[in-house]
Amino acid sequence: MQRIFGIIGIVFFYFSANAQLLSATQLAQEKIYTSVSEALKDPLKVYRLDLSKQKLHTLPKELFSLYNLQELNLSKNKLLQIPPEIANLTNLQVLNVSKNNLTEIPAAIGGLTNIVQLIANQNEIYKLAPEIGNLINMEMLDLWSNDIDVFPVEISNLKNSLKKIDLRVVLINEDKQRAIADLLPNTNIYFSKSCNCH
């Protein structure tokens, strides 16, 4: 009997610990933590974490236990990849990985179904995993100044939610621009002038 109550207690704690998603206004009012060690002192109260400009090549594993995190800024680091554990942060609404050394948006990103903004400009991204089509709440995707010129067909799942994609400073020929626009007919897509490239 004690074991049953113990399990019930753990389940209750798990669900009570999971934060409700905050509105953009509410989220903007929350404290911004600037280190994982600081955040771990009271992890359930951490909604915003800014690890920008910290010369990170990899991310600390402890980061992925901050289950209530809703805004994560990893910009201006030296990250080569987004690790699979990112999928643990299911309450994320804003993820900024701009100005790193990323080459792809991996499959694990598909677990972040509450994402509203994904900011990944000024990387070397040439590939989006098909799982990006799972991000049905995403409104803005910033891929400015990357190497991508073809999108997976699954991104068409976002045609009713995605309001804006920034693809400026990306070399994309006219046919590929048209193909991207056909996948997302209701999205404002910002291209640079088409190139005479393959």
N, C-alpha and C. Protein backbone atom coordinates (compact mmCIF):
# COMPACT_ATOMS: atom_id res chain seq x y z
N MET A 1 0.82 -1.21 0.00
CA MET A 1 0.00 0.00 0.00
C MET A 1 0.86 1.26 0.00
N GLN A 2 1.90 1.25 0.84
CA GLN A 2 2.79 2.42 0.88
C GLN A 2 3.43 2.65 -0.49
N ARG A 3 3.77 1.53 -1.14
CA ARG A 3 4.40 1.64 -2.46
C ARG A 3 3.45 2.29 -3.46
N ILE A 4 2.15 1.92 -3.39
CA ILE A 4 1.15 2.50 -4.29
C ILE A 4 1.04 4.00 -4.06
N PHE A 5 0.98 4.40 -2.77
CA PHE A 5 0.88 5.83 -2.47
C PHE A 5 2.14 6.56 -2.91
N GLY A 6 3.27 5.88 -2.81
CA GLY A 6 4.52 6.49 -3.26
C GLY A 6 4.50 6.77 -4.75
N ILE A 7 4.00 5.78 -5.52
CA ILE A 7 3.90 5.95 -6.97
C ILE A 7 2.92 7.08 -7.31
N ILE A 8 1.78 7.10 -6.61
CA ILE A 8 0.80 8.16 -6.85
C ILE A 8 1.42 9.52 -6.56
N GLY A 9 2.20 9.59 -5.50
CA GLY A 9 2.86 10.85 -5.14
C GLY A 9 3.83 11.32 -6.22
N ILE A 10 4.57 10.36 -6.76
CA ILE A 10 5.53 10.71 -7.82
C ILE A 10 4.79 11.21 -9.06
N VAL A 11 3.71 10.51 -9.42
CA VAL A 11 2.92 10.91 -10.59
C VAL A 11 2.33 12.30 -10.36
N PHE A 12 1.78 12.54 -9.16
CA PHE A 12 1.21 13.85 -8.85
C PHE A 12 2.27 14.93 -8.94
N PHE A 13 3.45 14.65 -8.39
CA PHE A 13 4.53 15.64 -8.43
C PHE A 13 4.92 15.95 -9.87
N TYR A 14 4.97 14.91 -10.70
CA TYR A 14 5.35 15.11 -12.09
C TYR A 14 4.39 16.05 -12.80
N PHE A 15 3.08 15.79 -12.63
CA PHE A 15 2.11 16.63 -13.33
C PHE A 15 2.00 18.01 -12.72
N SER A 16 2.14 18.14 -11.41
CA SER A 16 2.06 19.45 -10.78
C SER A 16 3.30 20.27 -11.10
N ALA A 17 4.43 19.58 -11.35
CA ALA A 17 5.67 20.29 -11.66
C ALA A 17 5.66 20.84 -13.08
N ASN A 18 4.87 20.22 -13.97
CA ASN A 18 4.85 20.69 -15.35
C ASN A 18 4.15 22.02 -15.44
N ALA A 19 4.84 23.01 -15.96
CA ALA A 19 4.29 24.36 -16.02
C ALA A 19 3.23 24.47 -17.10
N GLN A 20 2.28 25.37 -16.85
CA GLN A 20 1.39 25.77 -17.92
C GLN A 20 2.17 26.67 -18.85
N LEU A 21 1.83 26.62 -20.11
CA LEU A 21 2.50 27.51 -21.05
C LEU A 21 2.08 28.95 -20.77
N LEU A 22 3.06 29.83 -20.71
CA LEU A 22 2.81 31.23 -20.45
C LEU A 22 2.56 31.96 -21.77
N SER A 23 1.78 33.03 -21.70
CA SER A 23 1.63 33.89 -22.87
C SER A 23 2.94 34.64 -23.09
N ALA A 24 3.08 35.23 -24.26
CA ALA A 24 4.30 36.00 -24.55
C ALA A 24 4.50 37.12 -23.54
N THR A 25 3.41 37.75 -23.13
CA THR A 25 3.48 38.84 -22.15
C THR A 25 3.92 38.32 -20.79
N GLN A 26 3.34 37.21 -20.37
CA GLN A 26 3.72 36.62 -19.09
C GLN A 26 5.17 36.16 -19.10
N LEU A 27 5.58 35.54 -20.19
CA LEU A 27 6.94 35.02 -20.29
C LEU A 27 7.96 36.16 -20.22
N ALA A 28 7.64 37.28 -20.84
CA ALA A 28 8.55 38.43 -20.84
C ALA A 28 8.77 38.99 -19.44
N GLN A 29 7.88 38.68 -18.52
CA GLN A 29 7.98 39.20 -17.15
C GLN A 29 8.75 38.26 -16.23
N GLU A 30 9.07 37.07 -16.70
CA GLU A 30 9.77 36.10 -15.87
C GLU A 30 11.26 36.43 -15.81
N LYS A 31 11.88 36.02 -14.72
CA LYS A 31 13.32 36.21 -14.53
C LYS A 31 14.11 35.47 -15.60
N ILE A 32 15.19 36.09 -16.07
CA ILE A 32 16.11 35.42 -17.00
C ILE A 32 17.30 34.88 -16.22
N TYR A 33 17.47 33.56 -16.21
CA TYR A 33 18.64 32.94 -15.59
C TYR A 33 19.78 32.93 -16.63
N THR A 34 21.00 33.06 -16.15
CA THR A 34 22.13 33.14 -17.09
C THR A 34 23.17 32.03 -16.87
N SER A 35 22.87 31.07 -16.02
CA SER A 35 23.75 29.90 -15.88
C SER A 35 22.90 28.71 -15.44
N VAL A 36 23.34 27.54 -15.85
CA VAL A 36 22.62 26.32 -15.47
C VAL A 36 22.75 26.09 -13.97
N SER A 37 23.90 26.36 -13.40
CA SER A 37 24.09 26.16 -11.95
C SER A 37 23.12 27.03 -11.15
N GLU A 38 22.92 28.25 -11.60
CA GLU A 38 21.96 29.14 -10.93
C GLU A 38 20.55 28.59 -11.09
N ALA A 39 20.23 28.13 -12.28
CA ALA A 39 18.88 27.62 -12.56
C ALA A 39 18.57 26.38 -11.73
N LEU A 40 19.56 25.53 -11.51
CA LEU A 40 19.33 24.27 -10.79
C LEU A 40 19.03 24.47 -9.31
N LYS A 41 19.24 25.68 -8.79
CA LYS A 41 18.91 25.95 -7.38
C LYS A 41 17.40 25.93 -7.16
N ASP A 42 16.63 26.24 -8.18
CA ASP A 42 15.18 26.23 -8.09
C ASP A 42 14.60 25.89 -9.46
N PRO A 43 14.85 24.68 -9.94
CA PRO A 43 14.61 24.35 -11.35
C PRO A 43 13.16 24.51 -11.82
N LEU A 44 12.20 24.28 -10.95
CA LEU A 44 10.80 24.34 -11.37
C LEU A 44 10.33 25.76 -11.66
N LYS A 45 11.11 26.74 -11.22
CA LYS A 45 10.73 28.14 -11.44
C LYS A 45 11.47 28.77 -12.62
N VAL A 46 12.22 27.96 -13.35
CA VAL A 46 13.02 28.47 -14.46
C VAL A 46 12.23 28.38 -15.76
N TYR A 47 11.83 29.53 -16.24
CA TYR A 47 11.09 29.62 -17.50
C TYR A 47 11.96 30.19 -18.63
N ARG A 48 12.98 30.98 -18.26
CA ARG A 48 13.82 31.63 -19.27
C ARG A 48 15.28 31.43 -18.90
N LEU A 49 16.07 31.01 -19.88
CA LEU A 49 17.50 30.76 -19.65
C LEU A 49 18.29 31.33 -20.82
N ASP A 50 19.26 32.17 -20.50
CA ASP A 50 20.10 32.80 -21.52
C ASP A 50 21.54 32.35 -21.34
N LEU A 51 21.99 31.47 -22.23
CA LEU A 51 23.37 30.98 -22.21
C LEU A 51 24.15 31.52 -23.41
N SER A 52 23.75 32.66 -23.92
CA SER A 52 24.43 33.24 -25.08
C SER A 52 25.81 33.75 -24.72
N LYS A 53 26.68 33.81 -25.73
CA LYS A 53 28.02 34.38 -25.60
C LYS A 53 28.86 33.70 -24.51
N GLN A 54 28.73 32.39 -24.37
CA GLN A 54 29.49 31.68 -23.34
C GLN A 54 30.51 30.71 -23.95
N LYS A 55 30.75 30.82 -25.24
CA LYS A 55 31.76 30.01 -25.94
C LYS A 55 31.52 28.51 -25.77
N LEU A 56 30.25 28.12 -25.71
CA LEU A 56 29.91 26.72 -25.52
C LEU A 56 30.10 25.91 -26.80
N HIS A 57 30.81 24.79 -26.68
CA HIS A 57 30.92 23.84 -27.79
C HIS A 57 29.88 22.73 -27.64
N THR A 58 29.53 22.43 -26.40
CA THR A 58 28.49 21.45 -26.09
C THR A 58 27.62 22.04 -24.98
N LEU A 59 26.48 21.39 -24.75
CA LEU A 59 25.56 21.88 -23.73
C LEU A 59 25.61 20.99 -22.50
N PRO A 60 25.57 21.57 -21.31
CA PRO A 60 25.59 20.76 -20.09
C PRO A 60 24.35 19.88 -20.00
N LYS A 61 24.54 18.63 -19.63
CA LYS A 61 23.43 17.67 -19.56
C LYS A 61 22.34 18.14 -18.61
N GLU A 62 22.73 18.85 -17.56
CA GLU A 62 21.77 19.30 -16.55
C GLU A 62 20.71 20.23 -17.15
N LEU A 63 21.07 20.89 -18.23
CA LEU A 63 20.13 21.79 -18.89
C LEU A 63 18.83 21.08 -19.24
N PHE A 64 18.94 19.82 -19.63
CA PHE A 64 17.78 19.11 -20.15
C PHE A 64 16.86 18.57 -19.05
N SER A 65 17.17 18.90 -17.80
CA SER A 65 16.26 18.56 -16.69
C SER A 65 15.40 19.75 -16.30
N LEU A 66 15.54 20.87 -16.98
CA LEU A 66 14.74 22.07 -16.68
C LEU A 66 13.43 21.99 -17.47
N TYR A 67 12.55 21.11 -17.01
CA TYR A 67 11.38 20.73 -17.80
C TYR A 67 10.38 21.86 -18.00
N ASN A 68 10.40 22.88 -17.15
CA ASN A 68 9.45 23.98 -17.30
C ASN A 68 9.98 25.11 -18.19
N LEU A 69 11.19 24.94 -18.71
CA LEU A 69 11.82 25.97 -19.52
C LEU A 69 10.98 26.27 -20.76
N GLN A 70 10.74 27.57 -20.99
CA GLN A 70 9.91 27.97 -22.13
C GLN A 70 10.65 28.90 -23.11
N GLU A 71 11.78 29.45 -22.69
CA GLU A 71 12.58 30.28 -23.58
C GLU A 71 14.06 29.97 -23.34
N LEU A 72 14.77 29.60 -24.40
CA LEU A 72 16.17 29.21 -24.29
C LEU A 72 16.98 29.94 -25.35
N ASN A 73 17.95 30.71 -24.90
CA ASN A 73 18.82 31.47 -25.81
C ASN A 73 20.22 30.85 -25.78
N LEU A 74 20.61 30.25 -26.89
CA LEU A 74 21.93 29.63 -27.03
C LEU A 74 22.75 30.34 -28.10
N SER A 75 22.39 31.55 -28.43
CA SER A 75 23.03 32.26 -29.54
C SER A 75 24.47 32.65 -29.22
N LYS A 76 25.22 32.88 -30.30
CA LYS A 76 26.59 33.38 -30.21
C LYS A 76 27.50 32.47 -29.38
N ASN A 77 27.37 31.16 -29.63
CA ASN A 77 28.26 30.17 -29.04
C ASN A 77 29.03 29.48 -30.16
N LYS A 78 29.53 28.29 -29.90
CA LYS A 78 30.31 27.54 -30.89
C LYS A 78 29.73 26.14 -31.07
N LEU A 79 28.42 26.03 -30.97
CA LEU A 79 27.76 24.74 -31.04
C LEU A 79 27.81 24.17 -32.46
N LEU A 80 28.15 22.89 -32.56
CA LEU A 80 28.19 22.19 -33.84
C LEU A 80 26.90 21.42 -34.10
N GLN A 81 26.17 21.12 -33.03
CA GLN A 81 24.93 20.37 -33.19
C GLN A 81 23.98 20.65 -32.04
N ILE A 82 22.71 20.39 -32.30
CA ILE A 82 21.69 20.42 -31.26
C ILE A 82 21.53 18.98 -30.78
N PRO A 83 21.80 18.69 -29.51
CA PRO A 83 21.78 17.30 -29.05
C PRO A 83 20.36 16.72 -28.98
N PRO A 84 20.24 15.39 -29.05
CA PRO A 84 18.92 14.75 -29.01
C PRO A 84 18.13 15.07 -27.75
N GLU A 85 18.85 15.33 -26.66
CA GLU A 85 18.17 15.59 -25.38
C GLU A 85 17.32 16.86 -25.40
N ILE A 86 17.47 17.68 -26.43
CA ILE A 86 16.65 18.89 -26.53
C ILE A 86 15.17 18.52 -26.50
N ALA A 87 14.85 17.31 -26.95
CA ALA A 87 13.46 16.86 -26.98
C ALA A 87 12.83 16.76 -25.59
N ASN A 88 13.67 16.74 -24.52
CA ASN A 88 13.15 16.71 -23.15
C ASN A 88 12.44 18.01 -22.79
N LEU A 89 12.79 19.10 -23.46
CA LEU A 89 12.30 20.43 -23.08
C LEU A 89 11.00 20.72 -23.82
N THR A 90 9.98 19.94 -23.48
CA THR A 90 8.74 19.95 -24.26
C THR A 90 7.92 21.23 -24.10
N ASN A 91 8.23 22.05 -23.10
CA ASN A 91 7.49 23.30 -22.92
C ASN A 91 8.13 24.49 -23.63
N LEU A 92 9.24 24.26 -24.33
CA LEU A 92 9.91 25.37 -25.02
C LEU A 92 8.98 26.03 -26.03
N GLN A 93 8.91 27.36 -25.95
CA GLN A 93 8.17 28.14 -26.94
C GLN A 93 9.11 28.95 -27.83
N VAL A 94 10.26 29.34 -27.28
CA VAL A 94 11.23 30.14 -28.03
C VAL A 94 12.59 29.48 -27.91
N LEU A 95 13.21 29.15 -29.04
CA LEU A 95 14.55 28.59 -29.06
C LEU A 95 15.40 29.42 -30.01
N ASN A 96 16.48 29.98 -29.48
CA ASN A 96 17.39 30.80 -30.28
C ASN A 96 18.74 30.12 -30.32
N VAL A 97 19.12 29.64 -31.50
CA VAL A 97 20.43 29.00 -31.70
C VAL A 97 21.22 29.75 -32.77
N SER A 98 20.94 31.02 -32.94
CA SER A 98 21.61 31.80 -33.98
C SER A 98 23.09 31.99 -33.69
N LYS A 99 23.85 32.26 -34.75
CA LYS A 99 25.28 32.56 -34.66
C LYS A 99 26.07 31.46 -33.94
N ASN A 100 25.86 30.22 -34.39
CA ASN A 100 26.66 29.08 -33.96
C ASN A 100 27.30 28.46 -35.20
N ASN A 101 27.65 27.18 -35.13
CA ASN A 101 28.25 26.48 -36.27
C ASN A 101 27.41 25.26 -36.65
N LEU A 102 26.10 25.40 -36.54
CA LEU A 102 25.20 24.29 -36.81
C LEU A 102 25.10 24.03 -38.31
N THR A 103 24.96 22.75 -38.66
CA THR A 103 24.79 22.38 -40.06
C THR A 103 23.41 21.79 -40.34
N GLU A 104 22.66 21.47 -39.30
CA GLU A 104 21.32 20.92 -39.53
C GLU A 104 20.41 21.20 -38.34
N ILE A 105 19.12 21.17 -38.62
CA ILE A 105 18.09 21.15 -37.59
C ILE A 105 17.68 19.68 -37.48
N PRO A 106 18.01 19.01 -36.36
CA PRO A 106 17.90 17.56 -36.29
C PRO A 106 16.48 17.06 -36.00
N ALA A 107 16.32 15.75 -36.11
CA ALA A 107 15.01 15.12 -35.89
C ALA A 107 14.46 15.39 -34.49
N ALA A 108 15.35 15.50 -33.50
CA ALA A 108 14.89 15.70 -32.11
C ALA A 108 14.06 16.96 -31.95
N ILE A 109 14.25 17.92 -32.84
CA ILE A 109 13.50 19.17 -32.74
C ILE A 109 12.00 18.92 -32.88
N GLY A 110 11.66 17.81 -33.52
CA GLY A 110 10.25 17.48 -33.72
C GLY A 110 9.49 17.22 -32.43
N GLY A 111 10.21 16.98 -31.33
CA GLY A 111 9.55 16.79 -30.04
C GLY A 111 9.11 18.08 -29.38
N LEU A 112 9.55 19.21 -29.92
CA LEU A 112 9.26 20.51 -29.29
C LEU A 112 7.99 21.11 -29.90
N THR A 113 6.88 20.44 -29.67
CA THR A 113 5.64 20.80 -30.37
C THR A 113 5.01 22.10 -29.88
N ASN A 114 5.54 22.70 -28.81
CA ASN A 114 5.03 24.00 -28.34
C ASN A 114 5.85 25.18 -28.87
N ILE A 115 6.85 24.90 -29.70
CA ILE A 115 7.69 25.98 -30.24
C ILE A 115 6.83 26.97 -31.04
N VAL A 116 7.01 28.25 -30.74
CA VAL A 116 6.37 29.33 -31.48
C VAL A 116 7.40 30.03 -32.37
N GLN A 117 8.61 30.21 -31.82
CA GLN A 117 9.69 30.85 -32.58
C GLN A 117 10.94 29.99 -32.55
N LEU A 118 11.48 29.71 -33.73
CA LEU A 118 12.76 29.02 -33.86
C LEU A 118 13.70 29.94 -34.63
N ILE A 119 14.73 30.40 -33.94
CA ILE A 119 15.65 31.39 -34.49
C ILE A 119 17.01 30.71 -34.70
N ALA A 120 17.39 30.54 -35.94
CA ALA A 120 18.61 29.79 -36.25
C ALA A 120 19.43 30.49 -37.33
N ASN A 121 19.37 31.81 -37.35
CA ASN A 121 20.10 32.55 -38.38
C ASN A 121 21.61 32.49 -38.17
N GLN A 122 22.34 32.76 -39.26
CA GLN A 122 23.80 32.87 -39.24
C GLN A 122 24.49 31.62 -38.70
N ASN A 123 24.08 30.49 -39.27
CA ASN A 123 24.75 29.22 -39.06
C ASN A 123 25.22 28.70 -40.42
N GLU A 124 25.40 27.40 -40.53
CA GLU A 124 25.76 26.77 -41.81
C GLU A 124 24.77 25.66 -42.13
N ILE A 125 23.52 25.90 -41.78
CA ILE A 125 22.48 24.88 -41.89
C ILE A 125 22.15 24.62 -43.36
N TYR A 126 22.25 23.35 -43.75
CA TYR A 126 21.90 22.95 -45.11
C TYR A 126 20.75 21.95 -45.11
N LYS A 127 20.31 21.52 -43.92
CA LYS A 127 19.32 20.44 -43.86
C LYS A 127 18.35 20.66 -42.71
N LEU A 128 17.06 20.49 -43.01
CA LEU A 128 16.01 20.45 -41.99
C LEU A 128 15.47 19.02 -41.94
N ALA A 129 15.43 18.44 -40.75
CA ALA A 129 14.86 17.09 -40.61
C ALA A 129 13.36 17.14 -40.92
N PRO A 130 12.80 16.08 -41.50
CA PRO A 130 11.36 16.04 -41.78
C PRO A 130 10.50 16.30 -40.55
N GLU A 131 11.06 15.98 -39.37
CA GLU A 131 10.29 16.14 -38.12
C GLU A 131 9.95 17.59 -37.83
N ILE A 132 10.54 18.53 -38.57
CA ILE A 132 10.16 19.93 -38.38
C ILE A 132 8.67 20.11 -38.67
N GLY A 133 8.12 19.21 -39.44
CA GLY A 133 6.68 19.24 -39.71
C GLY A 133 5.81 18.98 -38.50
N ASN A 134 6.41 18.53 -37.38
CA ASN A 134 5.65 18.31 -36.14
C ASN A 134 5.39 19.60 -35.38
N LEU A 135 6.08 20.68 -35.75
CA LEU A 135 6.02 21.91 -34.96
C LEU A 135 4.81 22.75 -35.36
N ILE A 136 3.64 22.21 -35.10
CA ILE A 136 2.40 22.77 -35.63
C ILE A 136 1.97 24.06 -34.95
N ASN A 137 2.68 24.48 -33.91
CA ASN A 137 2.38 25.76 -33.27
C ASN A 137 3.39 26.85 -33.66
N MET A 138 4.36 26.51 -34.50
CA MET A 138 5.40 27.47 -34.85
C MET A 138 4.85 28.57 -35.75
N GLU A 139 5.14 29.81 -35.38
CA GLU A 139 4.69 30.97 -36.13
C GLU A 139 5.83 31.65 -36.88
N MET A 140 7.06 31.49 -36.39
CA MET A 140 8.19 32.18 -37.02
C MET A 140 9.42 31.27 -37.06
N LEU A 141 10.02 31.18 -38.25
CA LEU A 141 11.24 30.39 -38.46
C LEU A 141 12.27 31.31 -39.12
N ASP A 142 13.36 31.54 -38.43
CA ASP A 142 14.39 32.45 -38.93
C ASP A 142 15.62 31.65 -39.34
N LEU A 143 15.83 31.55 -40.66
CA LEU A 143 16.99 30.83 -41.21
C LEU A 143 17.87 31.76 -42.03
N TRP A 144 17.77 33.04 -41.77
CA TRP A 144 18.57 34.05 -42.47
C TRP A 144 20.05 33.67 -42.47
N SER A 145 20.70 33.78 -43.61
CA SER A 145 22.13 33.53 -43.76
C SER A 145 22.52 32.11 -43.33
N ASN A 146 22.00 31.14 -44.08
CA ASN A 146 22.38 29.74 -43.93
C ASN A 146 22.63 29.17 -45.32
N ASP A 147 22.72 27.84 -45.44
CA ASP A 147 23.04 27.20 -46.71
C ASP A 147 21.89 26.36 -47.25
N ILE A 148 20.72 26.49 -46.66
CA ILE A 148 19.61 25.61 -47.04
C ILE A 148 18.90 26.14 -48.28
N ASP A 149 18.56 25.25 -49.20
CA ASP A 149 17.80 25.68 -50.36
C ASP A 149 16.66 24.73 -50.71
N VAL A 150 16.51 23.64 -49.95
CA VAL A 150 15.42 22.69 -50.16
C VAL A 150 14.80 22.36 -48.80
N PHE A 151 13.48 22.39 -48.74
CA PHE A 151 12.78 22.04 -47.52
C PHE A 151 12.14 20.67 -47.64
N PRO A 152 12.04 19.91 -46.54
CA PRO A 152 11.31 18.63 -46.58
C PRO A 152 9.83 18.90 -46.81
N VAL A 153 9.19 18.02 -47.54
CA VAL A 153 7.77 18.21 -47.86
C VAL A 153 6.92 18.29 -46.60
N GLU A 154 7.40 17.69 -45.50
CA GLU A 154 6.63 17.68 -44.25
C GLU A 154 6.40 19.07 -43.68
N ILE A 155 7.20 20.05 -44.11
CA ILE A 155 7.00 21.40 -43.58
C ILE A 155 5.64 21.96 -44.01
N SER A 156 5.04 21.35 -45.02
CA SER A 156 3.71 21.80 -45.45
C SER A 156 2.66 21.58 -44.36
N ASN A 157 2.98 20.75 -43.36
CA ASN A 157 2.08 20.57 -42.21
C ASN A 157 1.87 21.89 -41.46
N LEU A 158 2.79 22.83 -41.66
CA LEU A 158 2.75 24.09 -40.91
C LEU A 158 2.07 25.22 -41.69
N LYS A 159 1.45 24.90 -42.81
CA LYS A 159 0.96 25.96 -43.70
C LYS A 159 -0.13 26.81 -43.06
N ASN A 160 -0.79 26.30 -42.03
CA ASN A 160 -1.84 27.09 -41.39
C ASN A 160 -1.37 27.82 -40.13
N SER A 161 -0.15 27.53 -39.68
CA SER A 161 0.34 28.17 -38.45
C SER A 161 1.54 29.07 -38.70
N LEU A 162 2.41 28.69 -39.63
CA LEU A 162 3.66 29.41 -39.84
C LEU A 162 3.39 30.72 -40.58
N LYS A 163 3.64 31.83 -39.88
CA LYS A 163 3.35 33.15 -40.45
C LYS A 163 4.53 33.73 -41.21
N LYS A 164 5.75 33.39 -40.79
CA LYS A 164 6.92 34.04 -41.38
C LYS A 164 8.11 33.10 -41.42
N ILE A 165 8.83 33.10 -42.55
CA ILE A 165 10.14 32.47 -42.66
C ILE A 165 11.10 33.50 -43.25
N ASP A 166 12.24 33.64 -42.63
CA ASP A 166 13.26 34.54 -43.16
C ASP A 166 14.35 33.69 -43.82
N LEU A 167 14.44 33.81 -45.14
CA LEU A 167 15.45 33.09 -45.92
C LEU A 167 16.34 34.05 -46.70
N ARG A 168 16.46 35.25 -46.19
CA ARG A 168 17.35 36.21 -46.84
C ARG A 168 18.82 35.80 -46.65
N VAL A 169 19.64 36.24 -47.55
CA VAL A 169 21.07 35.92 -47.56
C VAL A 169 21.27 34.40 -47.61
N VAL A 170 20.42 33.74 -48.38
CA VAL A 170 20.55 32.31 -48.66
C VAL A 170 20.49 32.18 -50.18
N LEU A 171 21.46 31.49 -50.77
CA LEU A 171 21.51 31.33 -52.22
C LEU A 171 20.49 30.28 -52.66
N ILE A 172 19.39 30.73 -53.26
CA ILE A 172 18.33 29.83 -53.70
C ILE A 172 17.89 30.26 -55.09
N ASN A 173 17.88 29.32 -56.02
CA ASN A 173 17.45 29.70 -57.38
C ASN A 173 15.93 29.84 -57.44
N GLU A 174 15.46 30.37 -58.55
CA GLU A 174 14.04 30.71 -58.67
C GLU A 174 13.14 29.49 -58.56
N ASP A 175 13.54 28.36 -59.15
CA ASP A 175 12.71 27.15 -59.09
C ASP A 175 12.56 26.66 -57.66
N LYS A 176 13.65 26.69 -56.90
CA LYS A 176 13.59 26.22 -55.52
C LYS A 176 12.81 27.19 -54.64
N GLN A 177 12.93 28.48 -54.91
CA GLN A 177 12.11 29.46 -54.18
C GLN A 177 10.63 29.18 -54.41
N ARG A 178 10.29 28.89 -55.67
CA ARG A 178 8.89 28.60 -55.99
C ARG A 178 8.42 27.32 -55.29
N ALA A 179 9.29 26.31 -55.23
CA ALA A 179 8.93 25.05 -54.57
C ALA A 179 8.67 25.25 -53.08
N ILE A 180 9.50 26.07 -52.45
CA ILE A 180 9.31 26.37 -51.03
C ILE A 180 8.00 27.13 -50.83
N ALA A 181 7.75 28.11 -51.67
CA ALA A 181 6.52 28.88 -51.56
C ALA A 181 5.28 28.00 -51.77
N ASP A 182 5.37 27.00 -52.65
CA ASP A 182 4.24 26.10 -52.89
C ASP A 182 3.93 25.24 -51.66
N LEU A 183 4.97 24.90 -50.89
CA LEU A 183 4.76 24.11 -49.68
C LEU A 183 4.05 24.92 -48.59
N LEU A 184 4.26 26.24 -48.62
CA LEU A 184 3.75 27.11 -47.56
C LEU A 184 3.02 28.32 -48.17
N PRO A 185 1.87 28.07 -48.77
CA PRO A 185 1.19 29.14 -49.51
C PRO A 185 0.66 30.28 -48.63
N ASN A 186 0.50 30.04 -47.34
CA ASN A 186 -0.06 31.08 -46.45
C ASN A 186 1.01 31.79 -45.62
N THR A 187 2.28 31.49 -45.90
CA THR A 187 3.39 32.01 -45.09
C THR A 187 4.08 33.15 -45.82
N ASN A 188 4.41 34.20 -45.07
CA ASN A 188 5.24 35.27 -45.63
C ASN A 188 6.69 34.78 -45.64
N ILE A 189 7.25 34.59 -46.82
CA ILE A 189 8.61 34.09 -46.97
C ILE A 189 9.48 35.20 -47.52
N TYR A 190 10.54 35.49 -46.80
CA TYR A 190 11.45 36.57 -47.21
C TYR A 190 12.69 35.95 -47.85
N PHE A 191 12.78 36.07 -49.17
CA PHE A 191 13.92 35.59 -49.93
C PHE A 191 14.81 36.78 -50.31
N SER A 192 16.09 36.51 -50.50
CA SER A 192 16.92 37.44 -51.25
C SER A 192 16.67 37.20 -52.73
N LYS A 193 17.23 38.02 -53.58
CA LYS A 193 17.09 37.85 -55.02
C LYS A 193 17.56 36.46 -55.41
N SER A 194 16.84 35.79 -56.30
CA SER A 194 17.22 34.42 -56.69
C SER A 194 18.59 34.43 -57.36
N CYS A 195 19.26 33.30 -57.22
CA CYS A 195 20.61 33.18 -57.76
C CYS A 195 20.60 32.32 -59.02
N ASN A 196 21.66 32.40 -59.81
CA ASN A 196 21.87 31.51 -60.95
C ASN A 196 22.70 30.33 -60.48
N CYS A 197 22.14 29.57 -59.52
CA CYS A 197 22.87 28.44 -58.94
C CYS A 197 22.01 27.20 -59.03
N HIS A 198 22.60 26.06 -58.74
CA HIS A 198 21.89 24.78 -58.87
C HIS A 198 20.99 24.55 -57.67
